Amino acid sequence: MAERREPERLRPHLPEVRCPVRLLLGTAIHEGGVSAEEVAVLAAALPAFIVDSVAGAGHFIYEEQPAAVVAAVRRLRAS
């Protein structure tokens, strides 16, 4: 995961993450998305992991639908 972009691999460090993680994925077809395999790795390694879909958003969810990002953060804080 992220081995093309990061000088150090993230995967071995995932068990060190102690905070809840919510992954937002846009449903619009776009290049460079997160693969099902990567989601499975995260789900297996992170104790508090949730995947949310954002209908109609692509790769830049925070620009395309900022209200969806704010709503996801609020849900995470409430959980």
PDB file of N, CA and C in Angstrom:
ATOM      1  N   MET A   1       0.826  -1.162   0.000  1.00  0.00           N
ATOM      2  CA  MET A   1       0.000   0.000   0.000  1.00  0.00           C
ATOM      3  C   MET A   1       0.882   1.240   0.000  1.00  0.00           C
ATOM      4  N   ALA A   2       0.592   2.138  -0.876  1.00  0.00           N
ATOM      5  CA  ALA A   2       1.303   3.412  -0.968  1.00  0.00           C
ATOM      6  C   ALA A   2       2.802   3.262  -1.192  1.00  0.00           C
ATOM      7  N   GLU A   3       3.254   2.091  -1.637  1.00  0.00           N
ATOM      8  CA  GLU A   3       4.692   1.904  -1.805  1.00  0.00           C
ATOM      9  C   GLU A   3       5.265   2.755  -2.929  1.00  0.00           C
ATOM     10  N   ARG A   4       4.431   3.215  -3.836  1.00  0.00           N
ATOM     11  CA  ARG A   4       4.922   4.080  -4.902  1.00  0.00           C
ATOM     12  C   ARG A   4       5.079   5.521  -4.458  1.00  0.00           C
ATOM     13  N   ARG A   5       4.390   5.915  -3.406  1.00  0.00           N
ATOM     14  CA  ARG A   5       4.397   7.313  -2.990  1.00  0.00           C
ATOM     15  C   ARG A   5       5.153   7.560  -1.693  1.00  0.00           C
ATOM     16  N   GLU A   6       5.319   6.557  -0.899  1.00  0.00           N
ATOM     17  CA  GLU A   6       5.907   6.739   0.426  1.00  0.00           C
ATOM     18  C   GLU A   6       7.289   6.096   0.517  1.00  0.00           C
ATOM     19  N   PRO A   7       8.246   6.776   1.160  1.00  0.00           N
ATOM     20  CA  PRO A   7       9.580   6.190   1.311  1.00  0.00           C
ATOM     21  C   PRO A   7       9.576   5.014   2.287  1.00  0.00           C
ATOM     22  N   GLU A   8       8.621   4.989   3.205  1.00  0.00           N
ATOM     23  CA  GLU A   8       8.513   3.888   4.164  1.00  0.00           C
ATOM     24  C   GLU A   8       7.115   3.293   4.032  1.00  0.00           C
ATOM     25  N   ARG A   9       7.021   1.997   4.024  1.00  0.00           N
ATOM     26  CA  ARG A   9       5.731   1.334   3.867  1.00  0.00           C
ATOM     27  C   ARG A   9       4.835   1.573   5.084  1.00  0.00           C
ATOM     28  N   LEU A  10       3.575   1.790   4.797  1.00  0.00           N
ATOM     29  CA  LEU A  10       2.595   2.051   5.840  1.00  0.00           C
ATOM     30  C   LEU A  10       2.080   0.761   6.485  1.00  0.00           C
ATOM     31  N   ARG A  11       1.930  -0.271   5.710  1.00  0.00           N
ATOM     32  CA  ARG A  11       1.293  -1.504   6.177  1.00  0.00           C
ATOM     33  C   ARG A  11       1.853  -2.049   7.501  1.00  0.00           C
ATOM     34  N   PRO A  12       3.175  -2.129   7.683  1.00  0.00           N
ATOM     35  CA  PRO A  12       3.684  -2.669   8.954  1.00  0.00           C
ATOM     36  C   PRO A  12       3.315  -1.818  10.170  1.00  0.00           C
ATOM     37  N   HIS A  13       2.971  -0.559   9.946  1.00  0.00           N
ATOM     38  CA  HIS A  13       2.676   0.350  11.049  1.00  0.00           C
ATOM     39  C   HIS A  13       1.185   0.460  11.364  1.00  0.00           C
ATOM     40  N   LEU A  14       0.338  -0.156  10.563  1.00  0.00           N
ATOM     41  CA  LEU A  14      -1.100  -0.036  10.793  1.00  0.00           C
ATOM     42  C   LEU A  14      -1.538  -0.495  12.182  1.00  0.00           C
ATOM     43  N   PRO A  15      -0.997  -1.585  12.726  1.00  0.00           N
ATOM     44  CA  PRO A  15      -1.424  -1.996  14.072  1.00  0.00           C
ATOM     45  C   PRO A  15      -1.110  -0.972  15.165  1.00  0.00           C
ATOM     46  N   GLU A  16      -0.251  -0.019  14.876  1.00  0.00           N
ATOM     47  CA  GLU A  16       0.083   1.021  15.845  1.00  0.00           C
ATOM     48  C   GLU A  16      -0.989   2.099  15.938  1.00  0.00           C
ATOM     49  N   VAL A  17      -1.872   2.162  14.948  1.00  0.00           N
ATOM     50  CA  VAL A  17      -2.925   3.183  14.918  1.00  0.00           C
ATOM     51  C   VAL A  17      -3.974   2.818  15.965  1.00  0.00           C
ATOM     52  N   ARG A  18      -4.225   3.714  16.887  1.00  0.00           N
ATOM     53  CA  ARG A  18      -5.153   3.451  17.987  1.00  0.00           C
ATOM     54  C   ARG A  18      -6.464   4.234  17.865  1.00  0.00           C
ATOM     55  N   CYS A  19      -6.505   5.232  17.010  1.00  0.00           N
ATOM     56  CA  CYS A  19      -7.710   6.048  16.874  1.00  0.00           C
ATOM     57  C   CYS A  19      -8.648   5.438  15.825  1.00  0.00           C
ATOM     58  N   PRO A  20      -9.936   5.764  15.881  1.00  0.00           N
ATOM     59  CA  PRO A  20     -10.864   5.288  14.854  1.00  0.00           C
ATOM     60  C   PRO A  20     -10.496   5.859  13.487  1.00  0.00           C
ATOM     61  N   VAL A  21     -10.709   5.075  12.454  1.00  0.00           N
ATOM     62  CA  VAL A  21     -10.400   5.501  11.088  1.00  0.00           C
ATOM     63  C   VAL A  21     -11.656   5.329  10.238  1.00  0.00           C
ATOM     64  N   ARG A  22     -12.038   6.379   9.528  1.00  0.00           N
ATOM     65  CA  ARG A  22     -13.172   6.334   8.615  1.00  0.00           C
ATOM     66  C   ARG A  22     -12.644   6.684   7.232  1.00  0.00           C
ATOM     67  N   LEU A  23     -12.792   5.758   6.291  1.00  0.00           N
ATOM     68  CA  LEU A  23     -12.332   5.950   4.926  1.00  0.00           C
ATOM     69  C   LEU A  23     -13.513   6.363   4.070  1.00  0.00           C
ATOM     70  N   LEU A  24     -13.404   7.520   3.432  1.00  0.00           N
ATOM     71  CA  LEU A  24     -14.447   7.989   2.528  1.00  0.00           C
ATOM     72  C   LEU A  24     -14.050   7.649   1.108  1.00  0.00           C
ATOM     73  N   LEU A  25     -14.937   6.968   0.406  1.00  0.00           N
ATOM     74  CA  LEU A  25     -14.686   6.594  -0.986  1.00  0.00           C
ATOM     75  C   LEU A  25     -15.781   7.169  -1.869  1.00  0.00           C
ATOM     76  N   GLY A  26     -15.381   7.894  -2.892  1.00  0.00           N
ATOM     77  CA  GLY A  26     -16.343   8.400  -3.856  1.00  0.00           C
ATOM     78  C   GLY A  26     -16.809   7.286  -4.777  1.00  0.00           C
ATOM     79  N   THR A  27     -18.073   7.334  -5.174  1.00  0.00           N
ATOM     80  CA  THR A  27     -18.626   6.282  -6.030  1.00  0.00           C
ATOM     81  C   THR A  27     -18.451   6.573  -7.519  1.00  0.00           C
ATOM     82  N   ALA A  28     -18.069   7.800  -7.874  1.00  0.00           N
ATOM     83  CA  ALA A  28     -17.856   8.134  -9.285  1.00  0.00           C
ATOM     84  C   ALA A  28     -16.623   7.407  -9.810  1.00  0.00           C
ATOM     85  N   ILE A  29     -16.679   6.966 -11.025  1.00  0.00           N
ATOM     86  CA  ILE A  29     -15.543   6.276 -11.637  1.00  0.00           C
ATOM     87  C   ILE A  29     -14.395   7.269 -11.813  1.00  0.00           C
ATOM     88  N   HIS A  30     -13.231   6.882 -11.326  1.00  0.00           N
ATOM     89  CA  HIS A  30     -12.044   7.727 -11.448  1.00  0.00           C
ATOM     90  C   HIS A  30     -10.802   6.851 -11.344  1.00  0.00           C
ATOM     91  N   GLU A  31      -9.699   7.361 -11.864  1.00  0.00           N
ATOM     92  CA  GLU A  31      -8.433   6.620 -11.819  1.00  0.00           C
ATOM     93  C   GLU A  31      -7.786   6.782 -10.448  1.00  0.00           C
ATOM     94  N   GLY A  32      -7.032   5.761 -10.067  1.00  0.00           N
ATOM     95  CA  GLY A  32      -6.242   5.863  -8.853  1.00  0.00           C
ATOM     96  C   GLY A  32      -7.006   5.661  -7.571  1.00  0.00           C
ATOM     97  N   GLY A  33      -8.128   5.007  -7.638  1.00  0.00           N
ATOM     98  CA  GLY A  33      -8.912   4.774  -6.437  1.00  0.00           C
ATOM     99  C   GLY A  33      -8.301   3.727  -5.537  1.00  0.00           C
ATOM    100  N   VAL A  34      -8.881   3.571  -4.374  1.00  0.00           N
ATOM    101  CA  VAL A  34      -8.441   2.579  -3.407  1.00  0.00           C
ATOM    102  C   VAL A  34      -9.003   1.224  -3.831  1.00  0.00           C
ATOM    103  N   SER A  35      -8.149   0.228  -3.904  1.00  0.00           N
ATOM    104  CA  SER A  35      -8.591  -1.096  -4.347  1.00  0.00           C
ATOM    105  C   SER A  35      -9.283  -1.842  -3.207  1.00  0.00           C
ATOM    106  N   ALA A  36     -10.061  -2.847  -3.576  1.00  0.00           N
ATOM    107  CA  ALA A  36     -10.722  -3.689  -2.579  1.00  0.00           C
ATOM    108  C   ALA A  36      -9.689  -4.390  -1.697  1.00  0.00           C
ATOM    109  N   GLU A  37      -8.556  -4.740  -2.279  1.00  0.00           N
ATOM    110  CA  GLU A  37      -7.477  -5.379  -1.502  1.00  0.00           C
ATOM    111  C   GLU A  37      -6.936  -4.432  -0.437  1.00  0.00           C
ATOM    112  N   GLU A  38      -6.744  -3.166  -0.792  1.00  0.00           N
ATOM    113  CA  GLU A  38      -6.247  -2.188   0.177  1.00  0.00           C
ATOM    114  C   GLU A  38      -7.252  -1.968   1.307  1.00  0.00           C
ATOM    115  N   VAL A  39      -8.531  -1.926   0.965  1.00  0.00           N
ATOM    116  CA  VAL A  39      -9.565  -1.775   1.990  1.00  0.00           C
ATOM    117  C   VAL A  39      -9.549  -2.983   2.929  1.00  0.00           C
ATOM    118  N   ALA A  40      -9.371  -4.167   2.377  1.00  0.00           N
ATOM    119  CA  ALA A  40      -9.322  -5.384   3.199  1.00  0.00           C
ATOM    120  C   ALA A  40      -8.122  -5.356   4.145  1.00  0.00           C
ATOM    121  N   VAL A  41      -6.996  -4.865   3.693  1.00  0.00           N
ATOM    122  CA  VAL A  41      -5.800  -4.756   4.548  1.00  0.00           C
ATOM    123  C   VAL A  41      -6.083  -3.803   5.708  1.00  0.00           C
ATOM    124  N   LEU A  42      -6.683  -2.671   5.399  1.00  0.00           N
ATOM    125  CA  LEU A  42      -7.007  -1.705   6.446  1.00  0.00           C
ATOM    126  C   LEU A  42      -7.995  -2.298   7.449  1.00  0.00           C
ATOM    127  N   ALA A  43      -9.028  -2.947   6.941  1.00  0.00           N
ATOM    128  CA  ALA A  43     -10.051  -3.533   7.812  1.00  0.00           C
ATOM    129  C   ALA A  43      -9.459  -4.599   8.732  1.00  0.00           C
ATOM    130  N   ALA A  44      -8.516  -5.360   8.232  1.00  0.00           N
ATOM    131  CA  ALA A  44      -7.901  -6.417   9.043  1.00  0.00           C
ATOM    132  C   ALA A  44      -6.938  -5.855  10.085  1.00  0.00           C
ATOM    133  N   ALA A  45      -6.291  -4.740   9.780  1.00  0.00           N
ATOM    134  CA  ALA A  45      -5.240  -4.229  10.663  1.00  0.00           C
ATOM    135  C   ALA A  45      -5.704  -3.170  11.654  1.00  0.00           C
ATOM    136  N   LEU A  46      -6.790  -2.484  11.336  1.00  0.00           N
ATOM    137  CA  LEU A  46      -7.241  -1.388  12.195  1.00  0.00           C
ATOM    138  C   LEU A  46      -8.435  -1.830  13.038  1.00  0.00           C
ATOM    139  N   PRO A  47      -8.357  -1.676  14.352  1.00  0.00           N
ATOM    140  CA  PRO A  47      -9.441  -2.161  15.204  1.00  0.00           C
ATOM    141  C   PRO A  47     -10.751  -1.388  15.051  1.00  0.00           C
ATOM    142  N   ALA A  48     -10.690  -0.117  14.724  1.00  0.00           N
ATOM    143  CA  ALA A  48     -11.897   0.702  14.571  1.00  0.00           C
ATOM    144  C   ALA A  48     -11.865   1.323  13.177  1.00  0.00           C
ATOM    145  N   PHE A  49     -12.343   0.572  12.192  1.00  0.00           N
ATOM    146  CA  PHE A  49     -12.265   0.997  10.787  1.00  0.00           C
ATOM    147  C   PHE A  49     -13.647   0.941  10.159  1.00  0.00           C
ATOM    148  N   ILE A  50     -14.036   2.032   9.509  1.00  0.00           N
ATOM    149  CA  ILE A  50     -15.331   2.121   8.834  1.00  0.00           C
ATOM    150  C   ILE A  50     -15.106   2.691   7.440  1.00  0.00           C
ATOM    151  N   VAL A  51     -15.826   2.149   6.472  1.00  0.00           N
ATOM    152  CA  VAL A  51     -15.793   2.671   5.105  1.00  0.00           C
ATOM    153  C   VAL A  51     -17.133   3.338   4.832  1.00  0.00           C
ATOM    154  N   ASP A  52     -17.093   4.563   4.343  1.00  0.00           N
ATOM    155  CA  ASP A  52     -18.283   5.297   3.918  1.00  0.00           C
ATOM    156  C   ASP A  52     -18.175   5.597   2.435  1.00  0.00           C
ATOM    157  N   SER A  53     -19.284   5.491   1.741  1.00  0.00           N
ATOM    158  CA  SER A  53     -19.329   5.863   0.323  1.00  0.00           C
ATOM    159  C   SER A  53     -19.969   7.237   0.197  1.00  0.00           C
ATOM    160  N   VAL A  54     -19.431   8.020  -0.729  1.00  0.00           N
ATOM    161  CA  VAL A  54     -19.986   9.339  -1.016  1.00  0.00           C
ATOM    162  C   VAL A  54     -20.456   9.309  -2.462  1.00  0.00           C
ATOM    163  N   ALA A  55     -21.770   9.254  -2.626  1.00  0.00           N
ATOM    164  CA  ALA A  55     -22.366   9.135  -3.963  1.00  0.00           C
ATOM    165  C   ALA A  55     -21.996  10.322  -4.836  1.00  0.00           C
ATOM    166  N   GLY A  56     -21.544  10.009  -6.034  1.00  0.00           N
ATOM    167  CA  GLY A  56     -21.247  11.030  -7.020  1.00  0.00           C
ATOM    168  C   GLY A  56     -19.900  11.709  -6.887  1.00  0.00           C
ATOM    169  N   ALA A  57     -19.176  11.435  -5.826  1.00  0.00           N
ATOM    170  CA  ALA A  57     -17.861  12.059  -5.633  1.00  0.00           C
ATOM    171  C   ALA A  57     -16.792  11.195  -6.284  1.00  0.00           C
ATOM    172  N   GLY A  58     -15.723  11.858  -6.695  1.00  0.00           N
ATOM    173  CA  GLY A  58     -14.587  11.147  -7.263  1.00  0.00           C
ATOM    174  C   GLY A  58     -13.450  11.081  -6.258  1.00  0.00           C
ATOM    175  N   HIS A  59     -12.248  11.350  -6.728  1.00  0.00           N
ATOM    176  CA  HIS A  59     -11.056  11.233  -5.899  1.00  0.00           C
ATOM    177  C   HIS A  59     -10.938  12.367  -4.875  1.00  0.00           C
ATOM    178  N   PHE A  60     -11.381  13.561  -5.232  1.00  0.00           N
ATOM    179  CA  PHE A  60     -11.208  14.734  -4.372  1.00  0.00           C
ATOM    180  C   PHE A  60     -12.510  15.050  -3.646  1.00  0.00           C
ATOM    181  N   ILE A  61     -12.930  14.148  -2.778  1.00  0.00           N
ATOM    182  CA  ILE A  61     -14.202  14.280  -2.075  1.00  0.00           C
ATOM    183  C   ILE A  61     -14.262  15.592  -1.301  1.00  0.00           C
ATOM    184  N   TYR A  62     -13.185  15.968  -0.664  1.00  0.00           N
ATOM    185  CA  TYR A  62     -13.163  17.179   0.155  1.00  0.00           C
ATOM    186  C   TYR A  62     -13.407  18.435  -0.669  1.00  0.00           C
ATOM    187  N   GLU A  63     -13.094  18.408  -1.964  1.00  0.00           N
ATOM    188  CA  GLU A  63     -13.377  19.543  -2.838  1.00  0.00           C
ATOM    189  C   GLU A  63     -14.754  19.416  -3.486  1.00  0.00           C
ATOM    190  N   GLU A  64     -15.105  18.202  -3.869  1.00  0.00           N
ATOM    191  CA  GLU A  64     -16.350  17.977  -4.590  1.00  0.00           C
ATOM    192  C   GLU A  64     -17.577  18.024  -3.688  1.00  0.00           C
ATOM    193  N   GLN A  65     -17.447  17.477  -2.476  1.00  0.00           N
ATOM    194  CA  GLN A  65     -18.578  17.420  -1.548  1.00  0.00           C
ATOM    195  C   GLN A  65     -18.098  17.636  -0.114  1.00  0.00           C
ATOM    196  N   PRO A  66     -17.681  18.856   0.194  1.00  0.00           N
ATOM    197  CA  PRO A  66     -17.140  19.115   1.531  1.00  0.00           C
ATOM    198  C   PRO A  66     -18.141  18.828   2.648  1.00  0.00           C
ATOM    199  N   ALA A  67     -19.424  19.005   2.404  1.00  0.00           N
ATOM    200  CA  ALA A  67     -20.425  18.731   3.442  1.00  0.00           C
ATOM    201  C   ALA A  67     -20.427  17.256   3.826  1.00  0.00           C
ATOM    202  N   ALA A  68     -20.147  16.367   2.862  1.00  0.00           N
ATOM    203  CA  ALA A  68     -20.083  14.931   3.154  1.00  0.00           C
ATOM    204  C   ALA A  68     -18.894  14.621   4.063  1.00  0.00           C
ATOM    205  N   VAL A  69     -17.797  15.334   3.882  1.00  0.00           N
ATOM    206  CA  VAL A  69     -16.612  15.135   4.725  1.00  0.00           C
ATOM    207  C   VAL A  69     -16.908  15.612   6.146  1.00  0.00           C
ATOM    208  N   VAL A  70     -17.532  16.780   6.268  1.00  0.00           N
ATOM    209  CA  VAL A  70     -17.883  17.308   7.592  1.00  0.00           C
ATOM    210  C   VAL A  70     -18.848  16.355   8.294  1.00  0.00           C
ATOM    211  N   ALA A  71     -19.829  15.838   7.581  1.00  0.00           N
ATOM    212  CA  ALA A  71     -20.793  14.900   8.164  1.00  0.00           C
ATOM    213  C   ALA A  71     -20.097  13.623   8.637  1.00  0.00           C
ATOM    214  N   ALA A  72     -19.127  13.133   7.867  1.00  0.00           N
ATOM    215  CA  ALA A  72     -18.392  11.920   8.255  1.00  0.00           C
ATOM    216  C   ALA A  72     -17.572  12.162   9.511  1.00  0.00           C
ATOM    217  N   VAL A  73     -16.957  13.318   9.622  1.00  0.00           N
ATOM    218  CA  VAL A  73     -16.186  13.650  10.827  1.00  0.00           C
ATOM    219  C   VAL A  73     -17.113  13.728  12.035  1.00  0.00           C
ATOM    220  N   ARG A  74     -18.277  14.310  11.849  1.00  0.00           N
ATOM    221  CA  ARG A  74     -19.238  14.395  12.958  1.00  0.00           C
ATOM    222  C   ARG A  74     -19.701  12.999  13.389  1.00  0.00           C
ATOM    223  N   ARG A  75     -19.946  12.104  12.427  1.00  0.00           N
ATOM    224  CA  ARG A  75     -20.332  10.737  12.773  1.00  0.00           C
ATOM    225  C   ARG A  75     -19.214  10.029  13.533  1.00  0.00           C
ATOM    226  N   LEU A  76     -17.992  10.251  13.093  1.00  0.00           N
ATOM    227  CA  LEU A  76     -16.848   9.632  13.755  1.00  0.00           C
ATOM    228  C   LEU A  76     -16.713  10.135  15.195  1.00  0.00           C
ATOM    229  N   ARG A  77     -16.865  11.409  15.372  1.00  0.00           N
ATOM    230  CA  ARG A  77     -16.771  11.994  16.728  1.00  0.00           C
ATOM    231  C   ARG A  77     -17.882  11.488  17.637  1.00  0.00           C
ATOM    232  N   ALA A  78     -19.054  11.239  17.061  1.00  0.00           N
ATOM    233  CA  ALA A  78     -20.206  10.785  17.850  1.00  0.00           C
ATOM    234  C   ALA A  78     -20.103   9.313  18.224  1.00  0.00           C
ATOM    235  N   SER A  79     -19.276   8.565  17.489  1.00  0.00           N
ATOM    236  CA  SER A  79     -19.201   7.125  17.748  1.00  0.00           C
ATOM    237  C   SER A  79     -18.239   6.783  18.870  1.00  0.00           C
TER     238      SER A  79
END
